[in-house]
Amino acid sequence: MIGYVTLGTDDVPRAAKFYDELLAVVGAGRVYEGDNFVAWGTSMNDPSLSLITPFDGKPASVGNGTMVALVVNAPEKVHEVHAKALELGGMNEGDPGPRVDNFYAGYFRDLDGHKLNVFCIVAGKSDASS
C-alpha cells in the first residue's frame, strides 16, 4: 500500500501555497514539514502527498508517465478540485467527466508540471468485474 508520494520542486514555498489551497478542498492539510519539504494528508497514519527539493541538488523535473491520483467521494468534488487547481494556476490536462464504466475523473498539472488526476467511483454503474 502507498505510504506517500513525493514530487520534486525547485520552489517549495510557491508549490506549497498551491497544495495548501488545493488539498484543503479534499480535507487534507500539512502533516509534516522541514527545511526543504512539506507533506499533506489527513493524518500521519494515512497516505500523504509531499513536495521536496531534489536530494542530488539538480533541478526538479517531471516524471514522464508519472501521475498522482486524488480520490474524492462525488463527481461534484471532482469538478471542485479540478476548478481549484486551474484557479491556482494549474494547467488543464482533461476536463472532468465520465471515463470508463464507473470512473469519473479530471486531469491537471501543478505549477511545476506534475500531472495529477482527481477521481471518484460513481455508484450504480457497471464495473469491470461484472
C-alpha atoms as a PDB file:
ATOM      1  CA  MET A   1       0.000   0.000   0.000  1.00  0.00           C
ATOM      2  CA  ILE A   2       1.202   3.516  -0.713  1.00  0.00           C
ATOM      3  CA  GLY A   3       2.552   5.447   2.267  1.00  0.00           C
ATOM      4  CA  TYR A   4       3.320   8.686   0.439  1.00  0.00           C
ATOM      5  CA  VAL A   5       4.110  10.158  -2.964  1.00  0.00           C
ATOM      6  CA  THR A   6       6.852  12.763  -3.369  1.00  0.00           C
ATOM      7  CA  LEU A   7       7.018  15.344  -6.165  1.00  0.00           C
ATOM      8  CA  GLY A   8      10.082  17.461  -6.848  1.00  0.00           C
ATOM      9  CA  THR A   9      10.083  21.245  -6.888  1.00  0.00           C
ATOM     10  CA  ASP A  10      12.699  23.977  -7.026  1.00  0.00           C
ATOM     11  CA  ASP A  11      10.432  26.419  -5.158  1.00  0.00           C
ATOM     12  CA  VAL A  12       8.902  24.822  -2.055  1.00  0.00           C
ATOM     13  CA  PRO A  13       7.104  27.987  -0.803  1.00  0.00           C
ATOM     14  CA  ARG A  14       5.404  28.584  -4.183  1.00  0.00           C
ATOM     15  CA  ALA A  15       4.448  24.929  -4.646  1.00  0.00           C
ATOM     16  CA  ALA A  16       3.316  24.596  -1.010  1.00  0.00           C
ATOM     17  CA  LYS A  17       0.914  27.516  -1.396  1.00  0.00           C
ATOM     18  CA  PHE A  18      -0.679  25.754  -4.410  1.00  0.00           C
ATOM     19  CA  TYR A  19      -1.081  22.479  -2.489  1.00  0.00           C
ATOM     20  CA  ASP A  20      -2.222  24.151   0.767  1.00  0.00           C
ATOM     21  CA  GLU A  21      -5.215  25.574  -1.069  1.00  0.00           C
ATOM     22  CA  LEU A  22      -5.815  22.649  -3.430  1.00  0.00           C
ATOM     23  CA  LEU A  23      -5.695  19.880  -0.832  1.00  0.00           C
ATOM     24  CA  ALA A  24      -7.845  21.840   1.625  1.00  0.00           C
ATOM     25  CA  VAL A  25     -10.698  21.177  -0.822  1.00  0.00           C
ATOM     26  CA  VAL A  26     -10.422  17.434  -0.048  1.00  0.00           C
ATOM     27  CA  GLY A  27      -9.884  17.903   3.697  1.00  0.00           C
ATOM     28  CA  ALA A  28      -6.105  17.409   3.771  1.00  0.00           C
ATOM     29  CA  GLY A  29      -3.600  19.667   5.467  1.00  0.00           C
ATOM     30  CA  ARG A  30       0.071  19.781   6.315  1.00  0.00           C
ATOM     31  CA  VAL A  31       1.088  16.772   8.400  1.00  0.00           C
ATOM     32  CA  TYR A  32       4.876  17.125   8.297  1.00  0.00           C
ATOM     33  CA  GLU A  33       7.431  19.660   7.080  1.00  0.00           C
ATOM     34  CA  GLY A  34      11.087  20.544   7.149  1.00  0.00           C
ATOM     35  CA  ASP A  35      13.516  22.987   5.561  1.00  0.00           C
ATOM     36  CA  ASN A  36      13.124  21.610   2.031  1.00  0.00           C
ATOM     37  CA  PHE A  37       9.861  19.634   2.059  1.00  0.00           C
ATOM     38  CA  VAL A  38       6.182  19.678   3.020  1.00  0.00           C
ATOM     39  CA  ALA A  39       3.773  16.728   3.283  1.00  0.00           C
ATOM     40  CA  TRP A  40      -0.043  16.844   3.254  1.00  0.00           C
ATOM     41  CA  GLY A  41      -2.545  14.263   4.379  1.00  0.00           C
ATOM     42  CA  THR A  42      -5.483  13.648   6.663  1.00  0.00           C
ATOM     43  CA  SER A  43      -3.258  12.095   9.359  1.00  0.00           C
ATOM     44  CA  MET A  44       0.259  10.736   9.774  1.00  0.00           C
ATOM     45  CA  ASN A  45      -1.203   7.217   9.511  1.00  0.00           C
ATOM     46  CA  ASP A  46      -2.783   7.719   6.079  1.00  0.00           C
ATOM     47  CA  PRO A  47      -1.130   8.125   2.660  1.00  0.00           C
ATOM     48  CA  SER A  48       0.253  11.588   2.002  1.00  0.00           C
ATOM     49  CA  LEU A  49       1.493  13.775  -0.824  1.00  0.00           C
ATOM     50  CA  SER A  50       4.756  15.636  -0.376  1.00  0.00           C
ATOM     51  CA  LEU A  51       6.965  18.142  -2.177  1.00  0.00           C
ATOM     52  CA  ILE A  52      10.713  18.237  -1.840  1.00  0.00           C
ATOM     53  CA  THR A  53      13.760  19.807  -3.434  1.00  0.00           C
ATOM     54  CA  PRO A  54      15.792  17.026  -5.085  1.00  0.00           C
ATOM     55  CA  PHE A  55      18.376  15.453  -2.791  1.00  0.00           C
ATOM     56  CA  ASP A  56      21.026  15.410  -5.532  1.00  0.00           C
ATOM     57  CA  GLY A  57      20.900  19.212  -5.873  1.00  0.00           C
ATOM     58  CA  LYS A  58      19.931  19.044  -9.544  1.00  0.00           C
ATOM     59  CA  PRO A  59      16.820  20.842 -10.818  1.00  0.00           C
ATOM     60  CA  ALA A  60      13.481  19.134 -10.204  1.00  0.00           C
ATOM     61  CA  SER A  61      11.874  17.550 -13.248  1.00  0.00           C
ATOM     62  CA  VAL A  62       8.559  15.962 -14.154  1.00  0.00           C
ATOM     63  CA  GLY A  63       8.437  12.177 -14.421  1.00  0.00           C
ATOM     64  CA  ASN A  64       7.174  11.122 -17.853  1.00  0.00           C
ATOM     65  CA  GLY A  65       4.243   8.775 -17.232  1.00  0.00           C
ATOM     66  CA  THR A  66       4.081   9.680 -13.547  1.00  0.00           C
ATOM     67  CA  MET A  67       0.712  10.794 -12.187  1.00  0.00           C
ATOM     68  CA  VAL A  68      -0.727  11.258  -8.712  1.00  0.00           C
ATOM     69  CA  ALA A  69      -4.418  10.404  -8.306  1.00  0.00           C
ATOM     70  CA  LEU A  70      -6.522  12.101  -5.621  1.00  0.00           C
ATOM     71  CA  VAL A  71      -9.696  10.207  -4.663  1.00  0.00           C
ATOM     72  CA  VAL A  72     -12.875  12.092  -3.723  1.00  0.00           C
ATOM     73  CA  ASN A  73     -16.423  10.964  -2.987  1.00  0.00           C
ATOM     74  CA  ALA A  74     -18.550  12.528  -5.759  1.00  0.00           C
ATOM     75  CA  PRO A  75     -18.413  13.963  -9.301  1.00  0.00           C
ATOM     76  CA  GLU A  76     -19.182  17.421  -7.879  1.00  0.00           C
ATOM     77  CA  LYS A  77     -15.998  17.223  -5.794  1.00  0.00           C
ATOM     78  CA  VAL A  78     -14.030  16.183  -8.916  1.00  0.00           C
ATOM     79  CA  HIS A  79     -15.226  19.399 -10.572  1.00  0.00           C
ATOM     80  CA  GLU A  80     -14.445  21.464  -7.453  1.00  0.00           C
ATOM     81  CA  VAL A  81     -10.864  20.202  -7.081  1.00  0.00           C
ATOM     82  CA  HIS A  82     -10.175  20.457 -10.833  1.00  0.00           C
ATOM     83  CA  ALA A  83     -11.517  24.031 -10.934  1.00  0.00           C
ATOM     84  CA  LYS A  84      -9.452  24.958  -7.860  1.00  0.00           C
ATOM     85  CA  ALA A  85      -6.282  23.615  -9.495  1.00  0.00           C
ATOM     86  CA  LEU A  86      -6.882  25.756 -12.587  1.00  0.00           C
ATOM     87  CA  GLU A  87      -7.776  28.797 -10.449  1.00  0.00           C
ATOM     88  CA  LEU A  88      -4.434  28.396  -8.645  1.00  0.00           C
ATOM     89  CA  GLY A  89      -2.520  28.408 -11.941  1.00  0.00           C
ATOM     90  CA  GLY A  90      -2.539  24.702 -12.773  1.00  0.00           C
ATOM     91  CA  MET A  91      -2.934  23.556 -16.383  1.00  0.00           C
ATOM     92  CA  ASN A  92      -5.917  21.574 -17.664  1.00  0.00           C
ATOM     93  CA  GLU A  93      -4.999  18.097 -18.912  1.00  0.00           C
ATOM     94  CA  GLY A  94      -8.565  16.787 -19.290  1.00  0.00           C
ATOM     95  CA  ASP A  95     -11.910  18.230 -18.240  1.00  0.00           C
ATOM     96  CA  PRO A  96     -13.833  16.389 -15.526  1.00  0.00           C
ATOM     97  CA  GLY A  97     -16.251  13.790 -16.791  1.00  0.00           C
ATOM     98  CA  PRO A  98     -17.019  10.088 -17.095  1.00  0.00           C
ATOM     99  CA  ARG A  99     -14.217   7.951 -18.479  1.00  0.00           C
ATOM    100  CA  VAL A 100     -14.890   4.214 -18.456  1.00  0.00           C
ATOM    101  CA  ASP A 101     -17.583   2.306 -16.611  1.00  0.00           C
ATOM    102  CA  ASN A 102     -17.998   3.974 -13.200  1.00  0.00           C
ATOM    103  CA  PHE A 103     -14.757   6.015 -13.235  1.00  0.00           C
ATOM    104  CA  TYR A 104     -15.277   9.817 -13.195  1.00  0.00           C
ATOM    105  CA  ALA A 105     -12.138  11.969 -13.414  1.00  0.00           C
ATOM    106  CA  GLY A 106     -10.463  15.263 -14.278  1.00  0.00           C
ATOM    107  CA  TYR A 107      -6.772  15.808 -15.020  1.00  0.00           C
ATOM    108  CA  PHE A 108      -4.436  18.753 -14.438  1.00  0.00           C
ATOM    109  CA  ARG A 109      -0.799  19.745 -13.964  1.00  0.00           C
ATOM    110  CA  ASP A 110       0.503  21.626 -10.942  1.00  0.00           C
ATOM    111  CA  LEU A 111       2.769  24.684 -11.087  1.00  0.00           C
ATOM    112  CA  ASP A 112       5.868  22.512 -11.617  1.00  0.00           C
ATOM    113  CA  GLY A 113       4.247  20.469 -14.400  1.00  0.00           C
ATOM    114  CA  HIS A 114       3.446  17.328 -12.386  1.00  0.00           C
ATOM    115  CA  LYS A 115       0.334  15.545 -13.671  1.00  0.00           C
ATOM    116  CA  LEU A 116      -2.482  14.861 -11.231  1.00  0.00           C
ATOM    117  CA  ASN A 117      -5.899  13.298 -11.507  1.00  0.00           C
ATOM    118  CA  VAL A 118      -8.892  13.767  -9.243  1.00  0.00           C
ATOM    119  CA  PHE A 119     -11.409  10.936  -9.453  1.00  0.00           C
ATOM    120  CA  CYS A 120     -14.338   9.138  -7.890  1.00  0.00           C
ATOM    121  CA  ILE A 121     -16.155   5.896  -8.477  1.00  0.00           C
ATOM    122  CA  VAL A 122     -19.772   6.562  -9.410  1.00  0.00           C
ATOM    123  CA  ALA A 123     -22.198   4.177  -7.701  1.00  0.00           C
ATOM    124  CA  GLY A 124     -24.910   2.423  -9.658  1.00  0.00           C
ATOM    125  CA  LYS A 125     -22.945   1.965 -12.867  1.00  0.00           C
ATOM    126  CA  SER A 126     -21.487  -1.296 -14.039  1.00  0.00           C
ATOM    127  CA  ASP A 127     -17.931  -2.031 -13.106  1.00  0.00           C
ATOM    128  CA  ALA A 128     -15.311  -4.015 -14.947  1.00  0.00           C
ATOM    129  CA  SER A 129     -15.705  -7.017 -12.613  1.00  0.00           C
ATOM    130  CA  SER A 130     -19.376  -7.584 -13.574  1.00  0.00           C
END
